[in-house]
Protein backbone atom coordinates (compact mmCIF):
# COMPACT_ATOMS: atom_id res chain seq x y z
CA MET A 1 82.77 108.31 -21.13
CA THR A 2 83.23 110.42 -17.98
CA HIS A 3 82.92 108.76 -14.61
CA SER A 4 82.89 109.89 -10.97
CA LEU A 5 86.15 109.51 -9.13
CA SER A 6 86.37 107.17 -6.20
CA VAL A 7 88.00 108.08 -2.93
CA HIS A 8 91.23 106.34 -3.85
CA GLU A 9 91.36 108.07 -7.24
CA ARG A 10 90.82 111.45 -5.63
CA LEU A 11 93.61 110.75 -3.16
CA ALA A 12 96.05 109.74 -5.90
CA PRO A 13 98.84 112.35 -6.39
CA LYS A 14 98.38 114.42 -9.54
CA ALA A 15 102.01 115.39 -10.03
CA ALA A 16 105.28 115.46 -8.14
CA LEU A 17 105.89 118.69 -6.21
CA PRO A 18 109.26 120.48 -6.26
CA LEU A 19 111.49 119.65 -3.33
CA TYR A 20 111.68 123.24 -2.10
CA CYS A 21 107.89 123.25 -1.45
CA PHE A 22 108.44 121.02 1.56
CA PHE A 23 110.85 123.48 3.17
CA VAL A 24 109.03 126.76 2.71
CA SER A 25 106.89 126.40 5.83
CA SER A 26 109.90 125.55 8.01
CA ALA A 27 111.42 129.03 7.67
CA PRO A 28 110.89 131.25 10.73
CA ARG A 29 108.37 134.03 10.33
CA LYS A 30 108.78 137.54 11.69
CA GLY A 31 105.26 137.60 13.11
CA ALA A 32 105.59 134.34 15.04
CA PRO A 33 106.28 135.91 18.49
CA VAL A 34 103.29 138.21 18.04
CA ALA A 35 101.11 135.23 17.11
CA VAL A 36 102.33 133.32 20.16
CA VAL A 37 101.50 136.22 22.49
CA SER A 38 98.06 136.63 20.94
CA ARG A 39 97.30 132.93 21.15
CA PHE A 40 98.59 132.82 24.75
CA SER A 41 96.23 135.65 25.72
CA GLN A 42 93.30 133.87 24.12
CA LEU A 43 94.08 130.57 25.82
CA ARG A 44 94.68 132.23 29.20
CA GLN A 45 91.31 133.95 28.94
CA ALA A 46 89.65 130.65 28.01
CA GLN A 47 91.44 128.94 30.88
CA ASP A 48 89.91 131.39 33.35
CA ALA A 49 86.44 131.72 31.81
CA ASN A 50 85.63 128.50 29.96
CA GLY A 51 83.57 126.05 32.00
CA ALA A 52 84.91 122.98 30.18
CA TRP A 53 88.49 123.92 31.02
CA GLN A 54 87.56 124.60 34.64
CA LEU A 55 85.82 121.24 34.94
CA LEU A 56 88.86 119.41 33.57
CA ARG A 57 91.08 121.28 36.05
CA ALA A 58 88.76 120.70 39.02
CA ARG A 59 90.08 118.76 41.98
CA ASN A 60 87.21 116.27 41.82
CA ALA A 61 86.90 116.32 38.03
CA ALA A 62 86.64 112.53 37.70
CA LEU A 63 83.92 112.32 40.37
CA ILE A 64 81.87 115.20 38.92
CA MET A 65 82.05 113.93 35.34
CA ALA A 66 81.28 110.34 36.39
CA VAL A 67 78.18 111.39 38.34
CA LEU A 68 76.89 113.71 35.63
CA ASP A 69 77.55 111.26 32.80
CA ALA A 70 75.78 108.49 34.71
CA HIS A 71 72.60 110.54 35.08
CA PHE A 72 72.34 112.43 31.78
CA ASP A 73 71.96 110.62 28.45
CA GLU A 74 69.83 110.91 25.32
CA ARG A 75 66.80 109.66 27.26
CA ASN A 76 67.33 112.03 30.20
CA ARG A 77 68.36 115.40 28.86
CA ARG A 78 66.38 117.32 31.48
CA ILE A 79 65.86 116.03 35.03
CA PRO A 80 63.69 117.66 37.74
CA VAL A 81 65.69 119.40 40.44
CA SER A 82 64.50 117.22 43.31
CA ASP A 83 64.96 113.96 41.36
CA LEU A 84 68.54 114.80 40.38
CA ALA A 85 69.40 115.92 43.93
CA ASN A 86 68.16 112.61 45.37
CA SER A 87 69.94 110.53 42.70
CA VAL A 88 73.22 112.42 43.13
CA ASP A 89 72.96 112.05 46.92
CA PHE A 90 72.63 108.27 46.54
CA ALA A 91 75.55 108.16 44.06
CA LEU A 92 77.79 110.13 46.43
CA GLN A 93 76.95 107.74 49.27
CA GLU A 94 77.92 104.80 47.06
CA LEU A 95 81.23 106.50 46.19
CA ARG A 96 82.00 107.16 49.86
CA PHE A 97 81.22 103.57 50.82
CA ARG A 98 82.80 101.68 47.90
CA ALA A 99 85.52 103.98 46.58
CA ASN A 100 86.38 105.73 49.88
CA ILE A 101 85.83 109.16 48.30
CA ASP A 102 85.94 112.15 50.66
CA TYR A 103 83.30 114.46 49.19
CA GLU A 104 81.26 115.87 52.06
CA HIS A 105 78.31 117.37 50.20
CA THR A 106 74.68 116.42 49.91
CA GLY A 107 73.13 115.86 46.51
CA ALA A 108 71.28 119.19 46.59
CA ASP A 109 74.41 121.11 47.63
CA ALA A 110 76.52 119.40 44.98
CA CYS A 111 74.01 120.17 42.20
CA GLU A 112 73.78 123.80 43.27
CA GLN A 113 77.57 124.16 43.36
CA TRP A 114 77.87 122.60 39.92
CA ARG A 115 75.20 125.02 38.66
CA LYS A 116 77.11 128.02 40.00
CA LYS A 117 80.30 126.78 38.33
CA GLY A 118 78.52 126.39 35.00
CA TYR A 119 78.42 122.60 34.76
CA LEU A 120 74.61 122.47 35.06
CA VAL A 121 71.88 124.75 33.73
CA ARG A 122 68.67 125.26 35.66
CA ARG A 123 65.60 126.04 33.55
CA THR A 124 61.85 126.19 33.87
CA SER A 125 59.79 123.66 31.93
CA LYS A 126 56.29 123.93 30.50
CA GLN A 127 55.77 120.19 30.80
CA ARG A 128 56.70 120.12 34.49
CA ARG A 129 55.79 122.43 37.34
CA GLU A 130 59.24 121.95 38.86
CA GLU A 131 62.44 123.42 37.48
CA THR A 132 64.86 121.07 35.75
CA TYR A 133 68.61 120.59 35.47
CA GLU A 134 70.43 119.90 32.22
CA LEU A 135 74.08 119.64 31.24
CA SER A 136 75.73 122.82 30.02
CA ALA A 137 77.58 122.90 26.72
CA GLU A 138 80.89 123.24 28.56
CA ALA A 139 80.20 120.16 30.70
CA MET A 140 79.31 118.13 27.60
CA THR A 141 82.57 119.18 25.96
CA ALA A 142 84.64 118.21 29.01
CA ILE A 143 82.88 114.85 29.47
CA ALA A 144 83.25 113.99 25.76
CA PHE A 145 86.95 114.84 25.89
CA ALA A 146 87.51 112.71 29.00
CA LYS A 147 85.58 109.76 27.57
CA GLN A 148 87.62 109.94 24.39
CA LEU A 149 90.78 109.68 26.50
CA VAL A 150 89.41 106.52 28.13
CA GLN A 151 88.13 105.00 24.88
CA PRO A 152 89.97 106.57 21.92
CA ARG A 153 87.99 106.68 18.70
CA HIS A 154 89.57 106.11 15.31
CA THR A 155 88.89 109.28 13.33
CA ALA A 156 91.23 108.75 10.34
CA THR A 157 88.95 106.31 8.56
CA GLN A 158 88.23 105.96 4.88
CA SER A 159 84.50 106.56 5.34
CA ARG A 160 85.06 109.80 7.23
CA LEU A 161 87.56 111.07 4.66
CA SER A 162 85.16 110.13 1.87
CA LEU A 163 82.38 112.03 3.64
CA ILE A 164 84.57 115.14 3.91
CA MET A 165 85.74 114.98 0.31
CA ASP A 166 82.23 114.44 -1.04
CA ALA A 167 80.94 117.37 1.00
CA VAL A 168 83.75 119.61 -0.27
CA HIS A 169 83.10 118.52 -3.86
CA ASP A 170 79.35 119.17 -3.58
CA LEU A 171 79.96 122.60 -2.05
CA ALA A 172 82.46 123.52 -4.75
CA VAL A 173 80.01 122.56 -7.50
CA ALA A 174 77.04 124.26 -5.82
CA SER A 175 78.98 127.52 -5.34
CA SER A 176 80.45 127.53 -8.86
CA SER A 177 79.04 129.70 -11.65
CA ASP A 178 80.85 127.67 -14.33
CA VAL A 179 78.13 126.01 -16.41
CA GLU A 180 80.51 123.46 -17.92
CA ARG A 181 81.72 122.35 -14.50
CA ARG A 182 78.16 121.87 -13.25
CA LYS A 183 77.22 119.93 -16.37
CA LYS A 184 80.33 117.76 -16.10
CA SER A 185 79.56 116.94 -12.47
CA LEU A 186 75.96 115.99 -13.24
CA LEU A 187 76.99 113.86 -16.22
CA ALA A 188 79.53 112.07 -14.05
CA ASP A 189 76.85 111.39 -11.42
CA ARG A 190 74.47 110.11 -14.10
CA ALA A 191 77.17 107.86 -15.55
CA ALA A 192 77.87 106.45 -12.10
CA ILE A 193 74.16 105.82 -11.52
CA ASP A 194 73.80 104.14 -14.92
CA ALA A 195 76.78 101.94 -14.14
CA GLU A 196 75.26 100.88 -10.83
CA LEU A 197 71.90 100.15 -12.48
CA GLU A 198 73.64 98.01 -15.08
CA LYS A 199 75.42 96.05 -12.35
CA ILE A 200 72.11 95.44 -10.61
CA GLU A 201 70.50 94.16 -13.81
CA GLN A 202 73.46 91.87 -14.46
CA GLY A 203 73.59 90.72 -10.85
CA THR A 204 77.20 91.84 -10.42
CA TYR A 205 76.58 94.53 -7.79
CA VAL A 206 78.74 94.40 -4.67
CA VAL A 207 77.32 94.59 -1.14
CA ILE A 208 79.49 96.47 1.31
CA ASP A 209 81.53 94.14 3.50
CA ASP A 210 80.99 93.98 7.25
CA SER A 211 84.19 95.80 8.25
CA LYS A 212 83.51 98.84 6.05
CA GLY A 213 79.83 98.87 7.01
CA LEU A 214 80.69 98.83 10.70
CA GLU A 215 83.25 101.58 10.12
CA ARG A 216 80.68 103.83 8.46
CA LEU A 217 78.11 103.07 11.14
CA SER A 218 80.60 103.99 13.87
CA ASP A 219 81.21 107.33 12.13
CA ILE A 220 77.47 107.96 11.99
CA LEU A 221 77.12 107.27 15.72
CA ALA A 222 80.10 109.52 16.45
CA LEU A 223 78.47 112.37 14.52
CA MET A 224 75.18 111.68 16.31
CA ASN A 225 76.87 111.97 19.70
CA GLU A 226 78.12 115.45 18.80
CA ILE A 227 74.64 116.84 18.11
CA PRO A 228 73.51 117.25 21.79
CA GLU A 229 76.63 119.30 22.46
CA ASP A 230 75.84 121.44 19.41
CA PHE A 231 72.30 121.95 20.68
CA ALA A 232 73.63 123.00 24.08
CA HIS A 233 75.94 125.54 22.42
CA VAL A 234 72.97 126.89 20.43
CA LYS A 235 70.90 127.35 23.60
CA THR A 236 73.83 129.09 25.26
CA GLU A 237 74.17 131.37 22.25
CA PHE A 238 70.44 132.15 22.42
CA ALA A 239 70.78 133.05 26.11
CA GLN A 240 73.76 135.31 25.42
CA LEU A 241 71.94 137.00 22.53
CA ASN A 242 68.89 137.53 24.73
CA LYS A 243 71.09 139.15 27.37
CA THR A 244 72.76 141.36 24.76
CA ILE A 245 69.42 142.59 23.40
CA PHE A 246 68.17 143.24 26.92
CA GLU A 247 71.29 145.27 27.74
CA SER A 248 70.99 147.19 24.47
CA ILE A 249 67.44 148.27 25.33
CA ILE A 250 68.28 149.22 28.90
CA SER A 251 71.56 150.99 28.12
CA TYR A 252 70.30 153.13 25.19
CA SER A 253 72.72 151.58 22.70
CA ASP A 254 73.06 152.98 19.19
CA ASN A 255 70.44 150.69 17.66
CA TYR A 256 68.03 150.40 20.59
CA ARG A 257 65.27 152.30 18.72
CA ASP A 258 65.41 149.84 15.83
CA ILE A 259 65.28 146.94 18.27
CA LEU A 260 62.23 148.38 20.02
CA GLU A 261 60.43 149.00 16.72
CA ASP A 262 61.17 145.46 15.55
CA ILE A 263 59.95 143.89 18.79
CA PHE A 264 56.79 146.03 18.78
CA ALA A 265 56.22 144.81 15.20
CA GLY A 266 56.53 141.18 16.35
CA VAL A 267 60.03 140.45 15.04
CA ASN A 268 61.79 137.65 16.95
CA HIS A 269 65.44 138.75 17.03
CA ILE A 270 66.48 135.41 18.53
CA ALA A 271 65.00 133.46 15.61
CA GLN A 272 66.38 135.96 13.04
CA SER A 273 69.96 135.66 14.34
CA PRO A 274 72.49 133.51 12.40
CA ALA A 275 72.24 130.79 15.05
CA GLY A 276 68.44 130.96 14.95
CA ARG A 277 68.23 130.72 11.16
CA SER A 278 70.70 127.84 11.11
CA PHE A 279 68.71 125.97 13.76
CA LEU A 280 65.38 126.63 12.03
CA GLY A 281 66.76 125.02 8.87
CA PHE A 282 67.57 121.91 10.92
CA TYR A 283 64.18 122.03 12.66
CA ASP A 284 62.29 122.32 9.37
CA LEU A 285 63.95 119.11 8.16
CA MET A 286 62.97 117.32 11.37
CA ARG A 287 59.34 118.40 10.97
CA ASP A 288 59.13 116.93 7.46
CA ASN A 289 57.14 113.75 8.13
CA ASP A 290 58.00 112.10 4.83
CA LEU A 291 61.70 112.73 5.34
CA THR A 292 61.76 111.49 8.94
CA GLU A 293 59.77 108.36 8.08
CA SER A 294 62.17 107.55 5.24
CA PHE A 295 65.07 108.23 7.59
CA GLN A 296 63.66 105.83 10.18
CA ASP A 297 63.09 103.15 7.52
CA ASP A 298 66.74 103.43 6.49
CA ILE A 299 67.81 103.04 10.13
CA ASP A 300 65.66 99.92 10.51
CA ASP A 301 67.20 98.45 7.36
CA ILE A 302 70.72 99.11 8.70
CA LEU A 303 69.87 97.46 12.02
CA GLY A 304 68.88 94.35 10.05
CA THR A 305 72.30 94.01 8.39
CA PRO A 306 74.87 91.43 9.60
CA PHE A 307 77.49 94.03 10.58
CA ALA A 308 74.99 95.84 12.85
CA THR A 309 75.01 92.81 15.16
CA ALA A 310 78.53 93.77 16.21
CA LEU A 311 77.19 96.92 17.87
CA ALA A 312 76.69 97.01 21.61
CA SER A 313 73.12 96.93 22.90
CA GLU A 314 73.36 100.58 23.95
CA GLU A 315 74.55 101.60 20.48
CA ARG A 316 71.74 99.64 18.81
CA ARG A 317 69.18 101.32 21.06
CA GLN A 318 70.73 104.71 20.37
CA LEU A 319 70.63 104.11 16.62
CA HIS A 320 67.03 102.88 16.71
CA SER A 321 65.83 105.95 18.69
CA MET A 322 67.91 108.43 16.68
CA THR A 323 64.92 110.03 14.91
CA ARG A 324 62.89 110.42 18.09
CA ASN A 325 65.85 111.82 20.03
CA LEU A 326 66.65 114.36 17.32
CA LEU A 327 63.04 115.50 17.22
CA GLU A 328 62.80 115.81 21.02
CA GLN A 329 66.10 117.67 21.34
CA SER A 330 65.32 120.05 18.48
CA SER A 331 61.87 120.72 19.96
CA ASP A 332 63.53 121.57 23.26
CA VAL A 333 65.86 124.06 21.55
CA ASN A 334 62.90 125.55 19.67
CA GLU A 335 61.05 125.97 22.97
CA VAL A 336 64.03 127.84 24.44
CA MET A 337 64.26 130.07 21.37
CA LEU A 338 60.54 130.90 21.45
CA SER A 339 60.58 131.53 25.20
CA PHE A 340 63.39 134.06 24.84
CA GLY A 341 61.59 135.76 21.95
CA HIS A 342 58.27 135.92 23.79
CA GLY A 343 60.01 137.12 26.94
CA LEU A 344 61.58 140.05 25.08
CA GLN A 345 58.23 140.82 23.47
CA ARG A 346 56.44 140.91 26.84
CA PHE A 347 59.27 142.94 28.33
CA VAL A 348 58.93 145.61 25.62
CA GLN A 349 55.18 145.64 25.03
CA SER A 350 54.42 145.89 28.75
CA HIS A 351 56.76 148.93 28.93
CA ARG A 352 58.62 147.28 31.79
CA TYR A 353 61.85 148.30 30.11
CA GLN A 354 61.15 151.91 31.12
CA THR A 355 61.14 150.94 34.80
CA ASP A 356 64.38 149.00 34.39
CA ARG A 357 65.93 151.95 32.62
CA GLN A 358 65.07 154.21 35.54
CA ILE A 359 66.54 151.69 37.98
CA LYS A 360 69.74 151.56 35.92
CA LYS A 361 69.90 155.37 35.89
CA ASP A 362 69.54 155.46 39.66
CA ILE A 363 72.25 152.83 40.12
CA ASP A 364 74.62 154.63 37.73
CA ARG A 365 73.96 157.94 39.50
CA ALA A 366 74.62 156.33 42.90
CA LEU A 367 77.87 154.80 41.63
CA ALA A 368 78.95 158.16 40.20
CA ASP A 369 78.27 159.89 43.53
CA LEU A 370 80.12 157.11 45.32
CA HIS A 371 83.12 157.63 43.03
CA LYS A 372 83.12 161.35 43.85
CA LEU A 373 82.91 160.62 47.57
CA SER A 374 85.72 158.07 47.37
CA CYS A 375 88.02 160.85 46.15
CA ILE A 376 87.22 162.88 49.28
CA ALA A 377 86.89 160.28 52.02
CA SER A 378 87.92 156.66 52.43
CA PRO A 379 85.17 154.03 52.24
CA GLN A 380 86.27 152.79 55.67
CA LYS A 381 85.75 156.19 57.29
CA THR A 382 83.12 156.21 60.05
CA ILE A 383 80.30 158.70 59.58
CA ASP A 384 77.68 159.84 62.07
CA ALA A 385 74.74 158.12 60.45
CA SER A 386 72.74 155.00 61.19
CA LEU A 387 70.88 152.81 58.75
CA HIS A 388 68.15 150.48 59.94
CA LEU A 389 68.07 147.39 57.75
CA SER A 390 65.04 145.15 57.40
CA SER A 391 66.76 141.98 58.52
CA ILE A 392 66.77 139.48 61.36
CA SER A 393 69.60 138.49 63.64
CA ILE A 394 70.82 134.96 63.06
CA GLN A 395 71.99 133.15 66.17
CA PRO A 396 73.83 129.83 66.37
CA VAL A 397 71.97 126.70 67.41
CA ALA A 398 73.86 126.65 70.74
CA ARG A 399 71.94 129.76 71.86
CA TRP A 400 68.54 128.27 71.18
CA ARG A 401 66.46 127.38 74.22
CA LEU A 402 63.85 124.66 74.23
CA ARG A 403 60.35 125.82 75.06
CA ASN A 404 58.60 124.03 77.90
CA PRO A 405 54.84 123.86 77.27
CA ALA A 406 54.21 123.43 80.99
CA GLU A 407 55.39 126.98 81.61
CA ILE A 408 52.39 128.34 79.78
CA VAL A 409 49.20 128.07 81.82
CA ALA A 410 46.11 128.10 79.73
CA ALA A 411 43.26 130.37 80.75
CA PRO A 412 40.13 128.64 82.06
CA LEU A 413 37.49 127.88 79.49
CA GLU A 414 34.56 130.23 79.46
CA GLU A 415 31.16 128.76 79.90
CA ILE A 416 29.56 128.33 76.54
CA SER A 417 26.03 129.66 76.44
CA SER A 418 23.60 127.77 74.24
CA THR A 419 21.29 129.68 71.96
CA GLN A 420 18.38 128.60 69.86
CA VAL A 421 19.46 127.36 66.43
CA GLY A 422 18.03 129.46 63.59
CA ARG A 423 16.50 128.03 60.46
CA LEU A 424 17.98 128.58 56.98
CA SER A 425 16.05 128.42 53.78
CA LEU A 426 17.38 126.52 50.76
CA GLU A 427 18.20 129.81 48.99
CA GLU A 428 20.14 131.10 52.02
CA LEU A 429 22.05 127.83 52.25
CA TYR A 430 22.87 128.10 48.53
CA GLN A 431 24.21 131.65 49.00
CA LYS A 432 26.35 130.49 51.96
CA ALA A 433 27.86 127.75 49.78
CA ARG A 434 28.57 130.24 46.95
CA GLN A 435 30.61 132.35 49.36
CA SER A 436 33.04 129.49 50.02
CA GLU A 437 33.02 127.50 46.76
CA ILE A 438 33.05 128.25 43.03
CA ASP A 439 29.70 127.64 41.36
CA PHE A 440 30.95 125.47 38.49
CA GLU A 441 27.41 124.46 37.47
CA GLU A 442 26.58 128.10 36.69
CA LEU A 443 29.85 128.55 34.77
CA VAL A 444 29.26 125.41 32.67
CA GLU A 445 25.76 126.63 31.79
CA ASN A 446 27.18 130.03 30.80
CA VAL A 447 29.85 128.50 28.56
CA ASN A 448 27.42 126.15 26.82
CA ASP A 449 24.92 128.99 26.35
CA VAL A 450 27.52 131.11 24.56
CA LEU A 451 28.61 128.16 22.41
CA ARG A 452 25.02 127.52 21.32
CA CYS A 453 24.71 131.14 20.24
CA GLU A 454 27.88 130.97 18.13
CA HIS A 455 26.37 129.12 15.15
CA GLU A 456 29.14 130.06 12.71
CA ARG A 457 32.35 129.78 14.72
CA ARG A 458 31.27 127.31 17.39
CA THR A 459 34.09 128.66 19.56
CA ALA A 460 34.08 131.09 22.45
CA SER A 461 36.88 132.54 24.53
CA VAL A 462 36.76 133.19 28.27
CA LYS A 463 36.32 136.89 27.50
CA ASP A 464 33.33 136.11 25.25
CA VAL A 465 31.66 134.20 28.09
CA LEU A 466 32.21 137.06 30.53
CA GLU A 467 30.82 139.62 28.10
CA LYS A 468 27.49 137.78 27.94
CA HIS A 469 27.47 136.40 31.51
CA PRO A 470 29.35 138.70 33.94
CA ALA A 471 31.21 137.17 36.86
CA THR A 472 28.63 136.79 39.62
CA GLN A 473 31.22 135.58 42.13
CA GLY A 474 33.90 138.13 41.24
CA ALA A 475 37.43 136.80 40.98
CA ALA A 476 36.19 133.29 41.88
CA SER A 477 34.20 133.14 38.62
CA ILE A 478 37.31 134.18 36.67
CA VAL A 479 39.35 131.43 38.31
CA GLY A 480 36.60 128.89 37.64
CA LEU A 481 36.32 129.83 33.97
CA LEU A 482 40.08 129.62 33.48
CA SER A 483 40.10 126.23 35.19
CA LEU A 484 37.36 124.96 32.86
CA ALA A 485 39.17 126.39 29.84
CA TYR A 486 42.44 124.74 30.88
CA LYS A 487 40.76 121.33 31.19
CA ASN A 488 38.19 121.48 28.37
CA GLY A 489 39.46 124.21 26.01
CA ARG A 490 42.60 124.90 24.02
CA PRO A 491 45.22 127.67 24.21
CA VAL A 492 45.23 130.42 21.60
CA GLU A 493 48.04 132.85 20.89
CA GLY A 494 47.64 136.16 22.72
CA GLU A 495 46.18 137.42 25.98
CA ASP A 496 42.72 138.54 27.16
CA GLU A 497 41.82 141.32 29.58
CA LEU A 498 39.27 139.82 32.00
CA ALA A 499 37.16 142.17 34.14
CA TRP A 500 34.93 141.58 37.18
CA GLU A 501 33.07 143.62 39.79
CA THR A 502 34.02 143.30 43.45
CA GLU A 503 31.56 143.12 46.32
CA HIS A 504 32.29 146.80 47.03
CA GLY A 505 31.16 147.86 43.55
CA THR A 506 34.62 148.54 42.07
CA TRP A 507 35.81 146.99 38.82
CA ARG A 508 39.05 145.08 38.52
CA CYS A 509 40.78 143.58 35.48
CA ALA A 510 43.69 141.22 34.84
CA LEU A 511 45.62 139.85 31.85
CA ALA A 512 45.39 136.08 31.37
CA PRO A 513 46.49 133.67 28.61
CA ARG A 514 43.85 133.34 25.91
CA TYR A 515 41.85 130.09 25.89
CA GLU A 516 38.81 129.16 23.82
CA PHE A 517 36.06 126.57 24.20
CA TYR A 518 35.37 124.57 21.05
CA GLN A 519 32.81 122.09 22.37
CA GLU A 520 30.20 121.97 25.09
CA VAL A 521 31.54 121.49 28.61
CA GLN A 522 30.36 118.90 31.08
CA LEU A 523 31.17 118.52 34.75
């Protein structure tokens, strides 16, 4: 009967190799100097351009990595700009006081410098009105490398080697067209399963011992810690791809017509890229409720084992929240991917790319003229021309002069003449109030009236309400309807063109995100 090979059996030598096989690789190769030069060029370029290398070479590398690592973890992947600036400012004060560190920067200045050097990434967030900071992929790489130097991790473990060998074996079988090999592999797996079932029925099954269980669990946590860095690299790749597509459209590249046609047709080039398709496969798994629930149940069972008690409290918390963290981080990457795709779509469909093309043409033409002039005259040559810039003169604080309020004599108050107070009717008072405030009662009645008329759909967009009840207060009615839709409605994909009549009799229109009311509104 065939049986599946264990790790030790797979590692066993099949046959002795000839002695000369061990000396073939030691012979010098003719192309070695060329390979050295090529590799040196690559590493020199990475040394100058890679943010992780620059962070490791920084003068205050230990301080920067300690501060960033203390603030960013799996629970705090994105931090508002003001919150991080205040926290970093407090941390720097503690370092100056306790460790005698000479780093004369405020928290806001330090964060901005680290952003410019590529250690932090500043992004907008739909959940928050304020921009947020997050660690760049390069900073994650540098911090992980430094932490591994402080606490080395054993990577040559039996469980990790078994994982690699099983993955290689599965890939070899899956990519093979040999029917006999596939059948043999499946029969071996079935024989192994039957053997395990027989052991269970006989009560002779073996539970993994604590040392091997802890070893496998440590490998799982190590792989889990690498995923945020992978996500950061994916977001960086999305940003670079977005920039490349933008430059292709602006610069009239060879395939810019195909790109424009695809974007007009609704194709998301970011999602269709190799990185996008690979991420979407991961994201589809995370959105499978049955799979994630089973995954979480397995984690809970592992946490109940005796060897899991040897984990630190932070590791146990990290393992318990693994499913939630993976879902949150993948959702964040998906949001970045969709935002880039929608941004390109708006950029093309609004024809803004034509304006940017003209600006690029003007800049290129100016640079070409400047190159021609540089061949005739030096850039430092004085010419008889003056250019008035729209700027202000900045003076040092020493030249400021305090203003004395006593120097300004106020003019005498004019005598206020009293006149008879006029009477206002209730209708006139109502019209005065409508000039300064939005009439939400009227808007609520309009929305509910349209919803009652929609017997089949029972939904109405802001545009539907305006078509039946025009904006009586002009732009104020538009703002009021959008405010009601934001609080009581729900967003729908697309945009609406909302029109209103001004007090001078002219019509104006604006594009706004599409919202729809699905139930009656109450104040």
